[in-house]
């Protein structure tokens, strides 16, 4: 049922949010030198967009695992990892 993928869904969201929030400052610091004051809006936009793209790319396998778990709750986490690795 729907609850079969709940654990994976929660882990995926935690991971995505952690990457988005945690990577923002390091990315912004790479593209803007603090000596020149506050970063302009377009650099903040690029840093935020980059964080969103990175988190989506890294969390996509977790989304695939969640879907596999919902379709077949008998899959173990190890089985799902092997499936994701092959795909």
PDB file of N, CA and C in Angstrom:
ATOM      1  N   UNK A   1       0.812  -1.187   0.000  1.00  0.00           N
ATOM      2  CA  UNK A   1       0.000   0.000   0.000  1.00  0.00           C
ATOM      3  C   UNK A   1       0.861   1.258   0.000  1.00  0.00           C
ATOM      4  N   UNK A   2       0.210   2.331   0.253  1.00  0.00           N
ATOM      5  CA  UNK A   2       0.885   3.627   0.257  1.00  0.00           C
ATOM      6  C   UNK A   2       1.877   3.774   1.399  1.00  0.00           C
ATOM      7  N   UNK A   3       1.591   3.118   2.528  1.00  0.00           N
ATOM      8  CA  UNK A   3       2.488   3.226   3.681  1.00  0.00           C
ATOM      9  C   UNK A   3       3.799   2.487   3.461  1.00  0.00           C
ATOM     10  N   UNK A   4       3.859   1.625   2.461  1.00  0.00           N
ATOM     11  CA  UNK A   4       5.070   0.839   2.220  1.00  0.00           C
ATOM     12  C   UNK A   4       6.260   1.730   1.880  1.00  0.00           C
ATOM     13  N   UNK A   5       6.032   2.834   1.232  1.00  0.00           N
ATOM     14  CA  UNK A   5       7.122   3.724   0.848  1.00  0.00           C
ATOM     15  C   UNK A   5       7.305   4.923   1.750  1.00  0.00           C
ATOM     16  N   UNK A   6       6.575   4.956   2.862  1.00  0.00           N
ATOM     17  CA  UNK A   6       6.621   6.127   3.743  1.00  0.00           C
ATOM     18  C   UNK A   6       8.011   6.364   4.325  1.00  0.00           C
ATOM     19  N   UNK A   7       8.661   5.313   4.783  1.00  0.00           N
ATOM     20  CA  UNK A   7       9.993   5.467   5.383  1.00  0.00           C
ATOM     21  C   UNK A   7      10.981   6.019   4.359  1.00  0.00           C
ATOM     22  N   UNK A   8      10.964   5.473   3.144  1.00  0.00           N
ATOM     23  CA  UNK A   8      11.861   5.954   2.100  1.00  0.00           C
ATOM     24  C   UNK A   8      11.531   7.392   1.710  1.00  0.00           C
ATOM     25  N   UNK A   9      10.255   7.723   1.680  1.00  0.00           N
ATOM     26  CA  UNK A   9       9.842   9.076   1.323  1.00  0.00           C
ATOM     27  C   UNK A   9      10.325  10.092   2.366  1.00  0.00           C
ATOM     28  N   UNK A  10      10.212   9.725   3.627  1.00  0.00           N
ATOM     29  CA  UNK A  10      10.675  10.623   4.689  1.00  0.00           C
ATOM     30  C   UNK A  10      12.193  10.798   4.629  1.00  0.00           C
ATOM     31  N   UNK A  11      12.915   9.710   4.387  1.00  0.00           N
ATOM     32  CA  UNK A  11      14.369   9.786   4.284  1.00  0.00           C
ATOM     33  C   UNK A  11      14.777  10.643   3.087  1.00  0.00           C
ATOM     34  N   UNK A  12      14.074  10.470   1.967  1.00  0.00           N
ATOM     35  CA  UNK A  12      14.378  11.244   0.763  1.00  0.00           C
ATOM     36  C   UNK A  12      14.189  12.737   1.021  1.00  0.00           C
ATOM     37  N   UNK A  13      13.076  13.105   1.649  1.00  0.00           N
ATOM     38  CA  UNK A  13      12.821  14.518   1.931  1.00  0.00           C
ATOM     39  C   UNK A  13      13.842  15.094   2.902  1.00  0.00           C
ATOM     40  N   UNK A  14      14.205  14.322   3.910  1.00  0.00           N
ATOM     41  CA  UNK A  14      15.232  14.774   4.856  1.00  0.00           C
ATOM     42  C   UNK A  14      16.557  15.002   4.134  1.00  0.00           C
ATOM     43  N   UNK A  15      16.904  14.079   3.264  1.00  0.00           N
ATOM     44  CA  UNK A  15      18.149  14.180   2.507  1.00  0.00           C
ATOM     45  C   UNK A  15      18.120  15.385   1.566  1.00  0.00           C
ATOM     46  N   UNK A  16      17.024  15.549   0.819  1.00  0.00           N
ATOM     47  CA  UNK A  16      16.924  16.663  -0.127  1.00  0.00           C
ATOM     48  C   UNK A  16      17.005  18.005   0.589  1.00  0.00           C
ATOM     49  N   UNK A  17      16.274  18.146   1.690  1.00  0.00           N
ATOM     50  CA  UNK A  17      16.294  19.414   2.425  1.00  0.00           C
ATOM     51  C   UNK A  17      17.667  19.691   3.014  1.00  0.00           C
ATOM     52  N   UNK A  18      18.319  18.659   3.506  1.00  0.00           N
ATOM     53  CA  UNK A  18      19.664  18.837   4.074  1.00  0.00           C
ATOM     54  C   UNK A  18      20.643  19.305   3.011  1.00  0.00           C
ATOM     55  N   UNK A  19      20.561  18.735   1.821  1.00  0.00           N
ATOM     56  CA  UNK A  19      21.461  19.146   0.737  1.00  0.00           C
ATOM     57  C   UNK A  19      21.142  20.572   0.299  1.00  0.00           C
ATOM     58  N   UNK A  20      19.861  20.865   0.119  1.00  0.00           N
ATOM     59  CA  UNK A  20      19.493  22.218  -0.331  1.00  0.00           C
ATOM     60  C   UNK A  20      19.946  23.282   0.651  1.00  0.00           C
ATOM     61  N   UNK A  21      19.711  23.044   1.921  1.00  0.00           N
ATOM     62  CA  UNK A  21      20.072  24.042   2.931  1.00  0.00           C
ATOM     63  C   UNK A  21      21.577  24.052   3.189  1.00  0.00           C
ATOM     64  N   UNK A  22      22.166  22.875   3.288  1.00  0.00           N
ATOM     65  CA  UNK A  22      23.583  22.775   3.630  1.00  0.00           C
ATOM     66  C   UNK A  22      24.534  23.199   2.533  1.00  0.00           C
ATOM     67  N   UNK A  23      24.123  23.073   1.288  1.00  0.00           N
ATOM     68  CA  UNK A  23      25.023  23.400   0.176  1.00  0.00           C
ATOM     69  C   UNK A  23      24.922  24.850  -0.270  1.00  0.00           C
ATOM     70  N   UNK A  24      23.903  25.564   0.178  1.00  0.00           N
ATOM     71  CA  UNK A  24      23.687  26.928  -0.312  1.00  0.00           C
ATOM     72  C   UNK A  24      24.867  27.854  -0.022  1.00  0.00           C
ATOM     73  N   UNK A  25      25.258  27.946   1.231  1.00  0.00           N
ATOM     74  CA  UNK A  25      26.351  28.859   1.597  1.00  0.00           C
ATOM     75  C   UNK A  25      27.672  28.492   0.919  1.00  0.00           C
ATOM     76  N   UNK A  26      28.085  27.215   0.928  1.00  0.00           N
ATOM     77  CA  UNK A  26      29.344  26.894   0.238  1.00  0.00           C
ATOM     78  C   UNK A  26      29.310  27.238  -1.258  1.00  0.00           C
ATOM     79  N   UNK A  27      28.192  27.003  -1.905  1.00  0.00           N
ATOM     80  CA  UNK A  27      28.099  27.336  -3.333  1.00  0.00           C
ATOM     81  C   UNK A  27      28.134  28.844  -3.523  1.00  0.00           C
ATOM     82  N   UNK A  28      27.389  29.573  -2.701  1.00  0.00           N
ATOM     83  CA  UNK A  28      27.386  31.032  -2.806  1.00  0.00           C
ATOM     84  C   UNK A  28      28.776  31.595  -2.540  1.00  0.00           C
ATOM     85  N   UNK A  29      29.483  31.033  -1.576  1.00  0.00           N
ATOM     86  CA  UNK A  29      30.845  31.497  -1.276  1.00  0.00           C
ATOM     87  C   UNK A  29      31.809  31.223  -2.426  1.00  0.00           C
ATOM     88  N   UNK A  30      31.554  30.172  -3.214  1.00  0.00           N
ATOM     89  CA  UNK A  30      32.413  29.866  -4.372  1.00  0.00           C
ATOM     90  C   UNK A  30      32.192  30.851  -5.513  1.00  0.00           C
ATOM     91  N   UNK A  31      30.982  31.370  -5.643  1.00  0.00           N
ATOM     92  CA  UNK A  31      30.694  32.253  -6.782  1.00  0.00           C
ATOM     93  C   UNK A  31      30.705  33.734  -6.406  1.00  0.00           C
ATOM     94  N   UNK A  32      30.821  34.048  -5.100  1.00  0.00           N
ATOM     95  CA  UNK A  32      30.840  35.459  -4.689  1.00  0.00           C
ATOM     96  C   UNK A  32      31.831  35.652  -3.543  1.00  0.00           C
ATOM     97  N   UNK A  33      32.691  36.625  -3.694  1.00  0.00           N
ATOM     98  CA  UNK A  33      33.670  36.952  -2.662  1.00  0.00           C
ATOM     99  C   UNK A  33      33.015  37.883  -1.640  1.00  0.00           C
ATOM    100  N   UNK A  34      33.073  37.511  -0.370  1.00  0.00           N
ATOM    101  CA  UNK A  34      32.446  38.296   0.699  1.00  0.00           C
ATOM    102  C   UNK A  34      33.046  39.699   0.832  1.00  0.00           C
ATOM    103  N   UNK A  35      34.254  39.868   0.344  1.00  0.00           N
ATOM    104  CA  UNK A  35      34.897  41.185   0.451  1.00  0.00           C
ATOM    105  C   UNK A  35      34.141  42.252  -0.322  1.00  0.00           C
ATOM    106  N   UNK A  36      33.335  41.837  -1.290  1.00  0.00           N
ATOM    107  CA  UNK A  36      32.579  42.801  -2.101  1.00  0.00           C
ATOM    108  C   UNK A  36      31.175  43.044  -1.567  1.00  0.00           C
ATOM    109  N   UNK A  37      30.938  42.642  -0.328  1.00  0.00           N
ATOM    110  CA  UNK A  37      29.647  42.885   0.300  1.00  0.00           C
ATOM    111  C   UNK A  37      28.661  41.761   0.033  1.00  0.00           C
ATOM    112  N   UNK A  38      27.393  42.130   0.172  1.00  0.00           N
ATOM    113  CA  UNK A  38      26.319  41.161  -0.008  1.00  0.00           C
ATOM    114  C   UNK A  38      26.246  40.712  -1.460  1.00  0.00           C
ATOM    115  N   UNK A  39      25.953  39.428  -1.647  1.00  0.00           N
ATOM    116  CA  UNK A  39      25.851  38.875  -2.999  1.00  0.00           C
ATOM    117  C   UNK A  39      24.632  39.460  -3.712  1.00  0.00           C
ATOM    118  N   UNK A  40      24.784  39.794  -4.999  1.00  0.00           N
ATOM    119  CA  UNK A  40      23.624  40.275  -5.757  1.00  0.00           C
ATOM    120  C   UNK A  40      22.586  39.167  -5.916  1.00  0.00           C
ATOM    121  N   UNK A  41      21.379  39.565  -6.241  1.00  0.00           N
ATOM    122  CA  UNK A  41      20.262  38.628  -6.313  1.00  0.00           C
ATOM    123  C   UNK A  41      20.504  37.498  -7.313  1.00  0.00           C
ATOM    124  N   UNK A  42      21.164  37.795  -8.414  1.00  0.00           N
ATOM    125  CA  UNK A  42      21.342  36.758  -9.430  1.00  0.00           C
ATOM    126  C   UNK A  42      22.325  35.682  -8.980  1.00  0.00           C
ATOM    127  N   UNK A  43      23.302  36.056  -8.141  1.00  0.00           N
ATOM    128  CA  UNK A  43      24.218  35.044  -7.613  1.00  0.00           C
ATOM    129  C   UNK A  43      23.509  34.175  -6.571  1.00  0.00           C
ATOM    130  N   UNK A  44      22.638  34.783  -5.780  1.00  0.00           N
ATOM    131  CA  UNK A  44      21.830  34.008  -4.835  1.00  0.00           C
ATOM    132  C   UNK A  44      20.905  33.053  -5.582  1.00  0.00           C
ATOM    133  N   UNK A  45      20.363  33.528  -6.694  1.00  0.00           N
ATOM    134  CA  UNK A  45      19.491  32.692  -7.517  1.00  0.00           C
ATOM    135  C   UNK A  45      20.247  31.503  -8.090  1.00  0.00           C
ATOM    136  N   UNK A  46      21.463  31.752  -8.589  1.00  0.00           N
ATOM    137  CA  UNK A  46      22.282  30.668  -9.134  1.00  0.00           C
ATOM    138  C   UNK A  46      22.647  29.665  -8.033  1.00  0.00           C
ATOM    139  N   UNK A  47      23.017  30.154  -6.861  1.00  0.00           N
ATOM    140  CA  UNK A  47      23.372  29.262  -5.758  1.00  0.00           C
ATOM    141  C   UNK A  47      22.164  28.420  -5.329  1.00  0.00           C
ATOM    142  N   UNK A  48      21.008  29.053  -5.205  1.00  0.00           N
ATOM    143  CA  UNK A  48      19.793  28.326  -4.826  1.00  0.00           C
ATOM    144  C   UNK A  48      19.377  27.314  -5.873  1.00  0.00           C
ATOM    145  N   UNK A  49      19.455  27.701  -7.135  1.00  0.00           N
ATOM    146  CA  UNK A  49      19.117  26.773  -8.210  1.00  0.00           C
ATOM    147  C   UNK A  49      20.063  25.594  -8.264  1.00  0.00           C
ATOM    148  N   UNK A  50      21.340  25.863  -8.043  1.00  0.00           N
ATOM    149  CA  UNK A  50      22.328  24.783  -8.033  1.00  0.00           C
ATOM    150  C   UNK A  50      22.052  23.790  -6.906  1.00  0.00           C
ATOM    151  N   UNK A  51      21.673  24.306  -5.756  1.00  0.00           N
ATOM    152  CA  UNK A  51      21.336  23.424  -4.630  1.00  0.00           C
ATOM    153  C   UNK A  51      20.124  22.560  -4.958  1.00  0.00           C
ATOM    154  N   UNK A  52      19.133  23.149  -5.602  1.00  0.00           N
ATOM    155  CA  UNK A  52      17.952  22.391  -5.990  1.00  0.00           C
ATOM    156  C   UNK A  52      18.273  21.290  -6.977  1.00  0.00           C
ATOM    157  N   UNK A  53      19.112  21.600  -7.958  1.00  0.00           N
ATOM    158  CA  UNK A  53      19.504  20.598  -8.953  1.00  0.00           C
ATOM    159  C   UNK A  53      20.309  19.473  -8.301  1.00  0.00           C
ATOM    160  N   UNK A  54      21.269  19.831  -7.456  1.00  0.00           N
ATOM    161  CA  UNK A  54      22.086  18.808  -6.778  1.00  0.00           C
ATOM    162  C   UNK A  54      21.227  17.893  -5.909  1.00  0.00           C
ATOM    163  N   UNK A  55      20.329  18.493  -5.146  1.00  0.00           N
ATOM    164  CA  UNK A  55      19.504  17.660  -4.265  1.00  0.00           C
ATOM    165  C   UNK A  55      18.581  16.754  -5.072  1.00  0.00           C
ATOM    166  N   UNK A  56      18.067  17.237  -6.184  1.00  0.00           N
ATOM    167  CA  UNK A  56      17.204  16.395  -7.016  1.00  0.00           C
ATOM    168  C   UNK A  56      17.992  15.245  -7.638  1.00  0.00           C
ATOM    169  N   UNK A  57      19.200  15.531  -8.115  1.00  0.00           N
ATOM    170  CA  UNK A  57      20.020  14.472  -8.709  1.00  0.00           C
ATOM    171  C   UNK A  57      20.413  13.415  -7.686  1.00  0.00           C
ATOM    172  N   UNK A  58      20.786  13.846  -6.503  1.00  0.00           N
ATOM    173  CA  UNK A  58      21.229  12.905  -5.482  1.00  0.00           C
ATOM    174  C   UNK A  58      20.071  12.142  -4.858  1.00  0.00           C
ATOM    175  N   UNK A  59      18.876  12.742  -4.826  1.00  0.00           N
ATOM    176  CA  UNK A  59      17.727  12.089  -4.194  1.00  0.00           C
ATOM    177  C   UNK A  59      16.932  11.232  -5.175  1.00  0.00           C
ATOM    178  N   UNK A  60      17.203  11.333  -6.462  1.00  0.00           N
ATOM    179  CA  UNK A  60      16.445  10.565  -7.441  1.00  0.00           C
ATOM    180  C   UNK A  60      16.512   9.054  -7.201  1.00  0.00           C
ATOM    181  N   UNK A  61      17.680   8.477  -6.883  1.00  0.00           N
ATOM    182  CA  UNK A  61      17.687   7.036  -6.578  1.00  0.00           C
ATOM    183  C   UNK A  61      16.810   6.672  -5.378  1.00  0.00           C
ATOM    184  N   UNK A  62      16.724   7.568  -4.396  1.00  0.00           N
ATOM    185  CA  UNK A  62      15.857   7.308  -3.247  1.00  0.00           C
ATOM    186  C   UNK A  62      14.395   7.304  -3.660  1.00  0.00           C
ATOM    187  N   UNK A  63      14.048   8.163  -4.598  1.00  0.00           N
ATOM    188  CA  UNK A  63      12.680   8.195  -5.108  1.00  0.00           C
ATOM    189  C   UNK A  63      12.355   6.898  -5.849  1.00  0.00           C
ATOM    190  N   UNK A  64      13.307   6.399  -6.598  1.00  0.00           N
ATOM    191  CA  UNK A  64      13.127   5.133  -7.301  1.00  0.00           C
ATOM    192  C   UNK A  64      12.942   3.990  -6.300  1.00  0.00           C
ATOM    193  N   UNK A  65      13.721   4.002  -5.225  1.00  0.00           N
ATOM    194  CA  UNK A  65      13.589   2.975  -4.200  1.00  0.00           C
ATOM    195  C   UNK A  65      12.223   3.045  -3.520  1.00  0.00           C
ATOM    196  N   UNK A  66      11.728   4.244  -3.283  1.00  0.00           N
ATOM    197  CA  UNK A  66      10.414   4.407  -2.668  1.00  0.00           C
ATOM    198  C   UNK A  66       9.328   3.812  -3.555  1.00  0.00           C
ATOM    199  N   UNK A  67       9.409   4.087  -4.850  1.00  0.00           N
ATOM    200  CA  UNK A  67       8.416   3.571  -5.786  1.00  0.00           C
ATOM    201  C   UNK A  67       8.474   2.044  -5.854  1.00  0.00           C
ATOM    202  N   UNK A  68       9.678   1.488  -5.880  1.00  0.00           N
ATOM    203  CA  UNK A  68       9.833   0.031  -5.890  1.00  0.00           C
ATOM    204  C   UNK A  68       9.230  -0.579  -4.625  1.00  0.00           C
ATOM    205  N   UNK A  69       9.455   0.060  -3.485  1.00  0.00           N
ATOM    206  CA  UNK A  69       8.914  -0.453  -2.215  1.00  0.00           C
ATOM    207  C   UNK A  69       7.387  -0.393  -2.234  1.00  0.00           C
ATOM    208  N   UNK A  70       6.804   0.656  -2.808  1.00  0.00           N
ATOM    209  CA  UNK A  70       5.349   0.751  -2.870  1.00  0.00           C
ATOM    210  C   UNK A  70       4.770  -0.316  -3.793  1.00  0.00           C
ATOM    211  N   UNK A  71       5.464  -0.606  -4.881  1.00  0.00           N
ATOM    212  CA  UNK A  71       4.969  -1.608  -5.825  1.00  0.00           C
ATOM    213  C   UNK A  71       5.131  -3.022  -5.303  1.00  0.00           C
ATOM    214  N   UNK A  72       6.180  -3.282  -4.527  1.00  0.00           N
ATOM    215  CA  UNK A  72       6.432  -4.617  -3.999  1.00  0.00           C
ATOM    216  C   UNK A  72       7.031  -4.489  -2.597  1.00  0.00           C
ATOM    217  N   UNK A  73       6.176  -4.477  -1.557  1.00  0.00           N
ATOM    218  CA  UNK A  73       6.683  -4.309  -0.185  1.00  0.00           C
ATOM    219  C   UNK A  73       7.619  -5.423   0.270  1.00  0.00           C
ATOM    220  N   UNK A  74       7.683  -6.534  -0.460  1.00  0.00           N
ATOM    221  CA  UNK A  74       8.551  -7.635  -0.065  1.00  0.00           C
ATOM    222  C   UNK A  74      10.025  -7.345  -0.335  1.00  0.00           C
ATOM    223  N   UNK A  75      10.322  -6.338  -1.165  1.00  0.00           N
ATOM    224  CA  UNK A  75      11.713  -5.990  -1.445  1.00  0.00           C
ATOM    225  C   UNK A  75      12.395  -5.510  -0.176  1.00  0.00           C
ATOM    226  N   UNK A  76      13.576  -6.032   0.071  1.00  0.00           N
ATOM    227  CA  UNK A  76      14.372  -5.534   1.195  1.00  0.00           C
ATOM    228  C   UNK A  76      15.144  -4.307   0.712  1.00  0.00           C
ATOM    229  N   UNK A  77      15.716  -3.572   1.643  1.00  0.00           N
ATOM    230  CA  UNK A  77      16.508  -2.398   1.271  1.00  0.00           C
ATOM    231  C   UNK A  77      17.696  -2.816   0.422  1.00  0.00           C
ATOM    232  N   UNK A  78      18.302  -3.954   0.757  1.00  0.00           N
ATOM    233  CA  UNK A  78      19.434  -4.454  -0.028  1.00  0.00           C
ATOM    234  C   UNK A  78      19.007  -4.768  -1.463  1.00  0.00           C
ATOM    235  N   UNK A  79      17.852  -5.423  -1.623  1.00  0.00           N
ATOM    236  CA  UNK A  79      17.342  -5.730  -2.960  1.00  0.00           C
ATOM    237  C   UNK A  79      17.105  -4.456  -3.761  1.00  0.00           C
ATOM    238  N   UNK A  80      16.545  -3.456  -3.094  1.00  0.00           N
ATOM    239  CA  UNK A  80      16.263  -2.193  -3.787  1.00  0.00           C
ATOM    240  C   UNK A  80      17.553  -1.498  -4.205  1.00  0.00           C
ATOM    241  N   UNK A  81      18.559  -1.535  -3.345  1.00  0.00           N
ATOM    242  CA  UNK A  81      19.841  -0.917  -3.701  1.00  0.00           C
ATOM    243  C   UNK A  81      20.450  -1.591  -4.929  1.00  0.00           C
ATOM    244  N   UNK A  82      20.324  -2.906  -5.004  1.00  0.00           N
ATOM    245  CA  UNK A  82      20.848  -3.633  -6.163  1.00  0.00           C
ATOM    246  C   UNK A  82      20.071  -3.260  -7.433  1.00  0.00           C
ATOM    247  N   UNK A  83      18.748  -3.096  -7.322  1.00  0.00           N
ATOM    248  CA  UNK A  83      17.941  -2.705  -8.462  1.00  0.00           C
ATOM    249  C   UNK A  83      18.315  -1.303  -8.954  1.00  0.00           C
ATOM    250  N   UNK A  84      18.470  -0.385  -8.013  1.00  0.00           N
ATOM    251  CA  UNK A  84      18.829   0.989  -8.371  1.00  0.00           C
ATOM    252  C   UNK A  84      20.203   1.020  -9.037  1.00  0.00           C
ATOM    253  N   UNK A  85      21.096   0.227  -8.515  1.00  0.00           N
ATOM    254  CA  UNK A  85      22.446   0.185  -9.080  1.00  0.00           C
ATOM    255  C   UNK A  85      22.425  -0.303 -10.531  1.00  0.00           C
ATOM    256  N   UNK A  86      21.578  -1.291 -10.801  1.00  0.00           N
ATOM    257  CA  UNK A  86      21.475  -1.813 -12.176  1.00  0.00           C
ATOM    258  C   UNK A  86      20.801  -0.829 -13.106  1.00  0.00           C
ATOM    259  N   UNK A  87      19.839  -0.072 -12.588  1.00  0.00           N
ATOM    260  CA  UNK A  87      19.116   0.876 -13.434  1.00  0.00           C
ATOM    261  C   UNK A  87      19.908   2.143 -13.535  1.00  0.00           C
TER     262      UNK A  87
END
